[in-house]
Amino acid sequence: MMLICEFCHFTFKSDREGRKYCCRPHADRARRRRVTLRCQVCGKAFEVKRSEAKHQRFCGRSCQGRSKRKGKRPTKEQLQHLIERQTTEQVGGMFDVSAALIRKWAKEYGLHSPRAKVVDIEDARKEARHRCKR
């Protein structure tokens, strides 16, 4: 007898009349109670159990963490412009974040504050050795 799989719609032969699926994996997957959702941060599709669908909003922890950010991060050019004219504390106040976070963003962008003293490591070592000899 020829039947049609309810999962993949493939025609298959069976000697039993009550079969709904062509193979065991299709029967297992059809029995699963999973729902496909879209992440609220990145828009990626992901699957969760139907019982968790009410509470799940993100595809993973990284998107969940991004959703908790207080404000928008400035672009590299914006941040460079701001830290040239103001202290990191003042810039942090503008974005409602700490001065340490502003310094972290600047470091990630490869920016240096003109107020920060740039020290050559070799010069610092020579000076330290010189001080120790006294």
C-alpha atoms as a PDB file:
ATOM      1  CA  MET A   1       0.000   0.000   0.000  1.00  0.00           C
ATOM      2  CA  MET A   2       1.311   3.497  -0.888  1.00  0.00           C
ATOM      3  CA  LEU A   3       1.123   6.228   1.746  1.00  0.00           C
ATOM      4  CA  ILE A   4       2.256   9.868   1.989  1.00  0.00           C
ATOM      5  CA  CYS A   5       4.518  10.981   4.838  1.00  0.00           C
ATOM      6  CA  GLU A   6       2.857  13.774   6.839  1.00  0.00           C
ATOM      7  CA  PHE A   7       6.244  15.327   7.562  1.00  0.00           C
ATOM      8  CA  CYS A   8       8.062  15.397   4.202  1.00  0.00           C
ATOM      9  CA  HIS A   9       5.154  14.505   1.850  1.00  0.00           C
ATOM     10  CA  PHE A  10       7.194  11.683   0.306  1.00  0.00           C
ATOM     11  CA  THR A  11       5.294   8.677  -1.074  1.00  0.00           C
ATOM     12  CA  PHE A  12       6.364   5.427   0.616  1.00  0.00           C
ATOM     13  CA  LYS A  13       5.359   1.758   0.719  1.00  0.00           C
ATOM     14  CA  SER A  14       4.026   0.208   3.884  1.00  0.00           C
ATOM     15  CA  ASP A  15       2.336  -3.027   4.820  1.00  0.00           C
ATOM     16  CA  ARG A  16       0.687  -1.333   7.823  1.00  0.00           C
ATOM     17  CA  GLU A  17      -2.256   0.947   7.183  1.00  0.00           C
ATOM     18  CA  GLY A  18      -1.880   3.277  10.206  1.00  0.00           C
ATOM     19  CA  ARG A  19       1.594   4.658   9.411  1.00  0.00           C
ATOM     20  CA  LYS A  20       1.811   8.429   9.036  1.00  0.00           C
ATOM     21  CA  TYR A  21       5.559   8.877   8.503  1.00  0.00           C
ATOM     22  CA  CYS A  22       8.088   7.332   6.151  1.00  0.00           C
ATOM     23  CA  CYS A  23      10.773   6.872   8.833  1.00  0.00           C
ATOM     24  CA  ARG A  24      11.393   7.069  12.573  1.00  0.00           C
ATOM     25  CA  PRO A  25      13.265  10.456  12.505  1.00  0.00           C
ATOM     26  CA  HIS A  26      10.313  12.103  10.757  1.00  0.00           C
ATOM     27  CA  ALA A  27       7.916  10.656  13.327  1.00  0.00           C
ATOM     28  CA  ASP A  28      10.139  11.935  16.149  1.00  0.00           C
ATOM     29  CA  ARG A  29      10.483  15.415  14.652  1.00  0.00           C
ATOM     30  CA  ALA A  30       6.732  15.673  14.026  1.00  0.00           C
ATOM     31  CA  ARG A  31       6.069  14.747  17.647  1.00  0.00           C
ATOM     32  CA  ARG A  32       8.383  17.468  18.931  1.00  0.00           C
ATOM     33  CA  ARG A  33       6.603  20.467  20.292  1.00  0.00           C
ATOM     34  CA  ARG A  34       8.915  23.183  18.982  1.00  0.00           C
ATOM     35  CA  VAL A  35       8.205  26.651  17.658  1.00  0.00           C
ATOM     36  CA  THR A  36      10.343  28.878  15.432  1.00  0.00           C
ATOM     37  CA  LEU A  37      10.827  32.431  16.715  1.00  0.00           C
ATOM     38  CA  ARG A  38      12.810  35.490  15.556  1.00  0.00           C
ATOM     39  CA  CYS A  39      15.435  37.117  17.769  1.00  0.00           C
ATOM     40  CA  GLN A  40      14.448  40.660  18.788  1.00  0.00           C
ATOM     41  CA  VAL A  41      18.044  41.897  18.479  1.00  0.00           C
ATOM     42  CA  CYS A  42      19.581  40.270  15.394  1.00  0.00           C
ATOM     43  CA  GLY A  43      16.465  38.905  13.656  1.00  0.00           C
ATOM     44  CA  LYS A  44      17.871  35.368  13.355  1.00  0.00           C
ATOM     45  CA  ALA A  45      15.356  32.492  13.414  1.00  0.00           C
ATOM     46  CA  PHE A  46      15.695  29.986  16.277  1.00  0.00           C
ATOM     47  CA  GLU A  47      13.682  27.087  17.711  1.00  0.00           C
ATOM     48  CA  VAL A  48      12.412  26.669  21.264  1.00  0.00           C
ATOM     49  CA  LYS A  49      10.021  24.353  23.051  1.00  0.00           C
ATOM     50  CA  ARG A  50       6.441  25.506  22.783  1.00  0.00           C
ATOM     51  CA  SER A  51       6.266  25.838  26.575  1.00  0.00           C
ATOM     52  CA  GLU A  52       9.206  28.317  26.492  1.00  0.00           C
ATOM     53  CA  ALA A  53       7.926  30.391  23.569  1.00  0.00           C
ATOM     54  CA  LYS A  54       6.185  32.980  25.782  1.00  0.00           C
ATOM     55  CA  HIS A  55       9.383  33.856  27.636  1.00  0.00           C
ATOM     56  CA  GLN A  56      12.112  33.442  24.994  1.00  0.00           C
ATOM     57  CA  ARG A  57      12.962  36.604  23.031  1.00  0.00           C
ATOM     58  CA  PHE A  58      16.617  36.178  22.055  1.00  0.00           C
ATOM     59  CA  CYS A  59      18.604  33.570  20.124  1.00  0.00           C
ATOM     60  CA  GLY A  60      21.396  33.471  22.716  1.00  0.00           C
ATOM     61  CA  ARG A  61      23.167  35.142  25.596  1.00  0.00           C
ATOM     62  CA  SER A  62      25.077  37.580  23.425  1.00  0.00           C
ATOM     63  CA  CYS A  63      21.851  39.060  22.011  1.00  0.00           C
ATOM     64  CA  GLN A  64      20.311  39.065  25.472  1.00  0.00           C
ATOM     65  CA  GLY A  65      23.286  41.064  26.737  1.00  0.00           C
ATOM     66  CA  ARG A  66      23.060  43.498  23.822  1.00  0.00           C
ATOM     67  CA  SER A  67      19.405  44.137  24.616  1.00  0.00           C
ATOM     68  CA  LYS A  68      20.312  45.300  28.127  1.00  0.00           C
ATOM     69  CA  ARG A  69      22.599  48.081  26.916  1.00  0.00           C
ATOM     70  CA  LYS A  70      21.458  51.474  28.114  1.00  0.00           C
ATOM     71  CA  GLY A  71      22.162  53.550  25.050  1.00  0.00           C
ATOM     72  CA  LYS A  72      23.597  53.565  21.601  1.00  0.00           C
ATOM     73  CA  ARG A  73      27.336  53.296  21.141  1.00  0.00           C
ATOM     74  CA  PRO A  74      28.897  56.225  19.258  1.00  0.00           C
ATOM     75  CA  THR A  75      30.727  55.645  15.992  1.00  0.00           C
ATOM     76  CA  LYS A  76      34.524  55.796  15.892  1.00  0.00           C
ATOM     77  CA  GLU A  77      34.480  59.290  14.398  1.00  0.00           C
ATOM     78  CA  GLN A  78      31.966  60.601  16.937  1.00  0.00           C
ATOM     79  CA  LEU A  79      33.936  59.181  19.850  1.00  0.00           C
ATOM     80  CA  GLN A  80      37.227  60.579  18.532  1.00  0.00           C
ATOM     81  CA  HIS A  81      35.649  64.024  18.173  1.00  0.00           C
ATOM     82  CA  LEU A  82      34.242  63.905  21.711  1.00  0.00           C
ATOM     83  CA  ILE A  83      37.329  62.633  23.544  1.00  0.00           C
ATOM     84  CA  GLU A  84      39.507  65.247  21.866  1.00  0.00           C
ATOM     85  CA  ARG A  85      37.403  68.010  23.400  1.00  0.00           C
ATOM     86  CA  GLN A  86      36.125  66.568  26.682  1.00  0.00           C
ATOM     87  CA  THR A  87      37.144  64.215  29.486  1.00  0.00           C
ATOM     88  CA  THR A  88      35.995  60.593  29.458  1.00  0.00           C
ATOM     89  CA  GLU A  89      33.794  61.374  32.479  1.00  0.00           C
ATOM     90  CA  GLN A  90      31.979  64.096  30.526  1.00  0.00           C
ATOM     91  CA  VAL A  91      31.570  61.866  27.467  1.00  0.00           C
ATOM     92  CA  GLY A  92      30.325  59.046  29.708  1.00  0.00           C
ATOM     93  CA  GLY A  93      27.710  61.395  31.150  1.00  0.00           C
ATOM     94  CA  MET A  94      26.474  62.154  27.636  1.00  0.00           C
ATOM     95  CA  PHE A  95      25.885  58.447  26.934  1.00  0.00           C
ATOM     96  CA  ASP A  96      24.811  57.527  30.481  1.00  0.00           C
ATOM     97  CA  VAL A  97      27.757  55.124  30.911  1.00  0.00           C
ATOM     98  CA  SER A  98      30.938  55.132  32.996  1.00  0.00           C
ATOM     99  CA  ALA A  99      34.239  56.735  32.021  1.00  0.00           C
ATOM    100  CA  ALA A 100      35.799  53.255  32.084  1.00  0.00           C
ATOM    101  CA  LEU A 101      33.389  52.120  29.371  1.00  0.00           C
ATOM    102  CA  ILE A 102      34.274  55.155  27.245  1.00  0.00           C
ATOM    103  CA  ARG A 103      37.965  54.226  27.602  1.00  0.00           C
ATOM    104  CA  LYS A 104      37.125  50.624  26.646  1.00  0.00           C
ATOM    105  CA  TRP A 105      35.262  51.769  23.525  1.00  0.00           C
ATOM    106  CA  ALA A 106      38.173  54.029  22.584  1.00  0.00           C
ATOM    107  CA  LYS A 107      40.615  51.153  23.019  1.00  0.00           C
ATOM    108  CA  GLU A 108      38.430  48.862  20.858  1.00  0.00           C
ATOM    109  CA  TYR A 109      38.336  51.535  18.145  1.00  0.00           C
ATOM    110  CA  GLY A 110      42.104  52.073  18.444  1.00  0.00           C
ATOM    111  CA  LEU A 111      41.730  55.683  19.619  1.00  0.00           C
ATOM    112  CA  HIS A 112      43.939  57.556  22.070  1.00  0.00           C
ATOM    113  CA  SER A 113      42.944  60.554  24.093  1.00  0.00           C
ATOM    114  CA  PRO A 114      45.225  63.548  23.502  1.00  0.00           C
ATOM    115  CA  ARG A 115      45.254  63.999  27.286  1.00  0.00           C
ATOM    116  CA  ALA A 116      46.645  60.492  27.833  1.00  0.00           C
ATOM    117  CA  LYS A 117      50.397  60.377  28.215  1.00  0.00           C
ATOM    118  CA  VAL A 118      51.820  57.953  25.662  1.00  0.00           C
ATOM    119  CA  VAL A 119      54.947  56.349  27.055  1.00  0.00           C
ATOM    120  CA  ASP A 120      57.426  54.300  25.082  1.00  0.00           C
ATOM    121  CA  ILE A 121      57.964  51.033  26.956  1.00  0.00           C
ATOM    122  CA  GLU A 122      61.705  50.926  26.295  1.00  0.00           C
ATOM    123  CA  ASP A 123      62.169  54.499  27.549  1.00  0.00           C
ATOM    124  CA  ALA A 124      60.188  53.674  30.681  1.00  0.00           C
ATOM    125  CA  ARG A 125      62.352  50.601  31.362  1.00  0.00           C
ATOM    126  CA  LYS A 126      65.584  52.551  30.895  1.00  0.00           C
ATOM    127  CA  GLU A 127      64.337  55.254  33.244  1.00  0.00           C
ATOM    128  CA  ALA A 128      63.334  52.667  35.851  1.00  0.00           C
ATOM    129  CA  ARG A 129      66.780  51.013  35.655  1.00  0.00           C
ATOM    130  CA  HIS A 130      68.440  54.404  35.949  1.00  0.00           C
ATOM    131  CA  ARG A 131      66.410  55.200  39.086  1.00  0.00           C
ATOM    132  CA  CYS A 132      67.307  51.862  40.655  1.00  0.00           C
ATOM    133  CA  LYS A 133      71.069  52.443  40.240  1.00  0.00           C
ATOM    134  CA  ARG A 134      71.040  55.653  42.272  1.00  0.00           C
END
